[in-house]
Structure formats: C-alpha cells, structure tokens
Amino acid sequence: MKEAAEQLRAVVAIVGPELSRLDSGDVATKTAPGEWSKKEILGHLIDSAANNHQRFVRAVGGAGLEFPPYTQTEWVRIQRCNERPWAALVSLWSAYNDHLSHVIACILMRPSPPRATSARRNRRRWNSSSRITCDT
C-alpha cells in the first residue's frame, strides 16, 4: 500500500505537467459521436478520485462498505467539463490525486488492532468503530 501512495505521487508529478502542455483548443474536441473529449475524460478521473476519497475514509472510519453508485455518464453530462478551463481541470486533478496519495499514506500509518495477548498493555483501545486520523 505504501508503494501505491508513492506511485500515485509519481504519476501526478509526471502526468500533471504533460497534461498542462496539451493544446487547450484540442482537449474539448470529441473524436467521435458519443465519445468523451479529453476534458470530459479528465473530469471523469476527478470524479473517480472524489468517489475513491470518500470510500477510503468511510471504509477506514468504520462507516461500512456500502457506497452510493457512481453513474459516470450522468456525472460527466451534468458537470459539463468542456465548459471549464483546461488549466483548472488539470490543477484540480493534480491536487486531488496528490491529496489521495496523502490519504493512502495516512491509512498506512493507522494503528493496527492489538493482539489478544497484548491488549491489556495497550493504553489505547481499538475496535472496528474507532476513528483514525493522520494525527492518531
């Protein structure tokens, strides 16, 4: 999992500048009817980051593993990313994924549940409903 956080940071560091270099006029063009433009694809990736963010936090926070559905075509249609400046979408994608790498790293730093043999020695009690933050 630590590698996942590091890999995500590396992808953002490499891909963010590459995305910024794309021609802002070309990124709104759809290659075929019914296909998404590059802006819409990046908007979808931002949506995926947002959905994964809340899933990670809810799963670790003990809120259960039932999540609302993600209807990607509907989200893309409603948000109309083709109307957004390309630089704003790239900036949001980069920042959100950088933050997700931080969240993943925080999940890795959370304390493990104590073993039955050492539970008495632990001053902090842990159970499935314990809230865990990066400060924990």
Protein backbone atom coordinates (compact mmCIF):
# COMPACT_ATOMS: atom_id res chain seq x y z
CA MET A 1 0.00 0.00 0.00
CA LYS A 2 2.90 2.37 0.72
CA GLU A 3 4.04 1.79 -2.84
CA ALA A 4 0.58 2.81 -4.08
CA ALA A 5 0.84 6.20 -2.35
CA GLU A 6 4.34 6.74 -3.75
CA GLN A 7 3.32 5.61 -7.25
CA LEU A 8 0.34 7.95 -7.24
CA ARG A 9 2.58 10.87 -6.25
CA ALA A 10 4.99 9.95 -9.05
CA VAL A 11 2.17 9.76 -11.62
CA VAL A 12 0.89 13.19 -10.60
CA ALA A 13 4.39 14.67 -10.78
CA ILE A 14 4.95 13.29 -14.29
CA VAL A 15 1.49 13.43 -15.86
CA GLY A 16 0.33 16.80 -14.46
CA PRO A 17 2.92 18.82 -16.43
CA GLU A 18 2.29 16.68 -19.52
CA LEU A 19 -1.44 17.41 -19.34
CA SER A 20 -0.71 21.12 -18.92
CA ARG A 21 1.18 21.09 -22.21
CA LEU A 22 -1.80 19.84 -24.24
CA ASP A 23 -3.38 22.40 -26.54
CA SER A 24 -6.39 23.87 -24.74
CA GLY A 25 -8.31 24.06 -28.03
CA ASP A 26 -7.91 20.37 -28.81
CA VAL A 27 -8.89 19.00 -25.40
CA ALA A 28 -12.59 19.85 -25.82
CA THR A 29 -12.84 18.04 -29.17
CA LYS A 30 -14.69 14.72 -29.29
CA THR A 31 -13.12 12.21 -31.67
CA ALA A 32 -16.47 10.59 -32.47
CA PRO A 33 -20.16 10.99 -31.57
CA GLY A 34 -20.86 9.55 -28.15
CA GLU A 35 -17.18 9.67 -27.15
CA TRP A 36 -15.79 11.88 -24.41
CA SER A 37 -13.37 14.72 -25.01
CA LYS A 38 -10.08 14.91 -23.12
CA LYS A 39 -11.71 17.45 -20.78
CA GLU A 40 -14.54 15.03 -20.06
CA ILE A 41 -12.12 12.16 -19.52
CA LEU A 42 -10.13 14.24 -17.04
CA GLY A 43 -13.40 15.30 -15.38
CA HIS A 44 -14.27 11.60 -15.04
CA LEU A 45 -10.87 10.94 -13.43
CA ILE A 46 -11.54 13.77 -10.97
CA ASP A 47 -14.92 12.19 -10.17
CA SER A 48 -13.20 8.85 -9.63
CA ALA A 49 -10.75 10.47 -7.24
CA ALA A 50 -13.63 12.09 -5.34
CA ASN A 51 -15.52 8.80 -5.12
CA ASN A 52 -12.44 6.87 -4.04
CA HIS A 53 -11.58 9.52 -1.45
CA GLN A 54 -14.88 9.12 0.38
CA ARG A 55 -14.73 5.32 0.01
CA PHE A 56 -11.27 5.16 1.60
CA VAL A 57 -12.25 7.38 4.51
CA ARG A 58 -15.59 5.66 5.11
CA ALA A 59 -14.05 2.20 4.98
CA VAL A 60 -11.28 3.05 7.46
CA GLY A 61 -13.61 5.13 9.63
CA GLY A 62 -15.87 2.17 10.23
CA ALA A 63 -18.83 3.51 8.27
CA GLY A 64 -19.25 0.24 6.43
CA LEU A 65 -18.59 -0.75 2.87
CA GLU A 66 -21.82 0.30 1.18
CA PHE A 67 -21.27 3.25 -1.11
CA PRO A 68 -23.61 5.24 -3.34
CA PRO A 69 -23.48 4.24 -7.01
CA TYR A 70 -21.40 6.24 -9.48
CA THR A 71 -23.19 6.79 -12.78
CA GLN A 72 -20.23 8.14 -14.71
CA THR A 73 -22.05 9.14 -17.89
CA GLU A 74 -24.59 11.13 -15.89
CA TRP A 75 -21.87 12.84 -13.84
CA VAL A 76 -19.97 13.85 -16.98
CA ARG A 77 -23.18 15.16 -18.61
CA ILE A 78 -24.21 17.19 -15.56
CA GLN A 79 -20.81 18.78 -14.89
CA ARG A 80 -20.15 19.92 -18.48
CA CYS A 81 -16.36 19.84 -18.13
CA ASN A 82 -15.96 21.09 -21.72
CA GLU A 83 -17.00 24.49 -20.39
CA ARG A 84 -14.18 24.57 -17.79
CA PRO A 85 -10.72 25.94 -18.49
CA TRP A 86 -8.25 23.11 -19.17
CA ALA A 87 -5.74 24.53 -16.67
CA ALA A 88 -8.39 24.45 -13.92
CA LEU A 89 -9.20 20.79 -14.61
CA VAL A 90 -5.52 19.81 -14.67
CA SER A 91 -4.89 21.70 -11.43
CA LEU A 92 -7.84 20.03 -9.70
CA TRP A 93 -6.85 16.56 -10.97
CA SER A 94 -3.27 17.07 -9.76
CA ALA A 95 -4.26 18.47 -6.36
CA TYR A 96 -6.93 15.85 -5.70
CA ASN A 97 -4.70 12.93 -6.57
CA ASP A 98 -1.84 14.38 -4.54
CA HIS A 99 -4.25 14.58 -1.62
CA LEU A 100 -5.36 10.98 -2.22
CA SER A 101 -1.74 9.87 -2.00
CA HIS A 102 -1.62 11.59 1.40
CA VAL A 103 -4.84 9.84 2.48
CA ILE A 104 -3.45 6.48 1.40
CA ALA A 105 -0.28 7.15 3.39
CA CYS A 106 -2.39 8.08 6.44
CA ILE A 107 -4.30 4.83 6.17
CA LEU A 108 -0.99 3.02 6.24
CA MET A 109 0.07 4.85 9.41
CA ARG A 110 -3.05 3.93 11.38
CA PRO A 111 -2.52 1.72 14.38
CA SER A 112 -3.22 -1.98 13.98
CA PRO A 113 -5.72 -3.66 16.25
CA PRO A 114 -3.93 -5.02 19.31
CA ARG A 115 -3.32 -8.74 19.57
CA ALA A 116 -5.29 -10.57 22.22
CA THR A 117 -2.12 -11.23 24.19
CA SER A 118 -1.08 -7.59 24.30
CA ALA A 119 -4.47 -5.92 24.63
CA ARG A 120 -4.01 -5.25 28.33
CA ARG A 121 -0.70 -3.48 27.77
CA ASN A 122 -2.15 -1.06 25.21
CA ARG A 123 -3.35 2.15 26.77
CA ARG A 124 -5.46 2.99 23.73
CA ARG A 125 -8.35 0.71 22.94
CA TRP A 126 -9.06 -0.15 19.33
CA ASN A 127 -12.22 -1.56 17.83
CA SER A 128 -13.89 -1.56 14.45
CA SER A 129 -15.68 1.70 15.19
CA SER A 130 -12.53 3.59 16.25
CA ARG A 131 -11.95 6.75 14.27
CA ILE A 132 -8.46 7.05 12.85
CA THR A 133 -6.84 10.22 11.58
CA CYS A 134 -3.35 11.12 10.44
CA ASP A 135 -2.80 12.53 13.94
CA THR A 136 -3.56 9.15 15.55
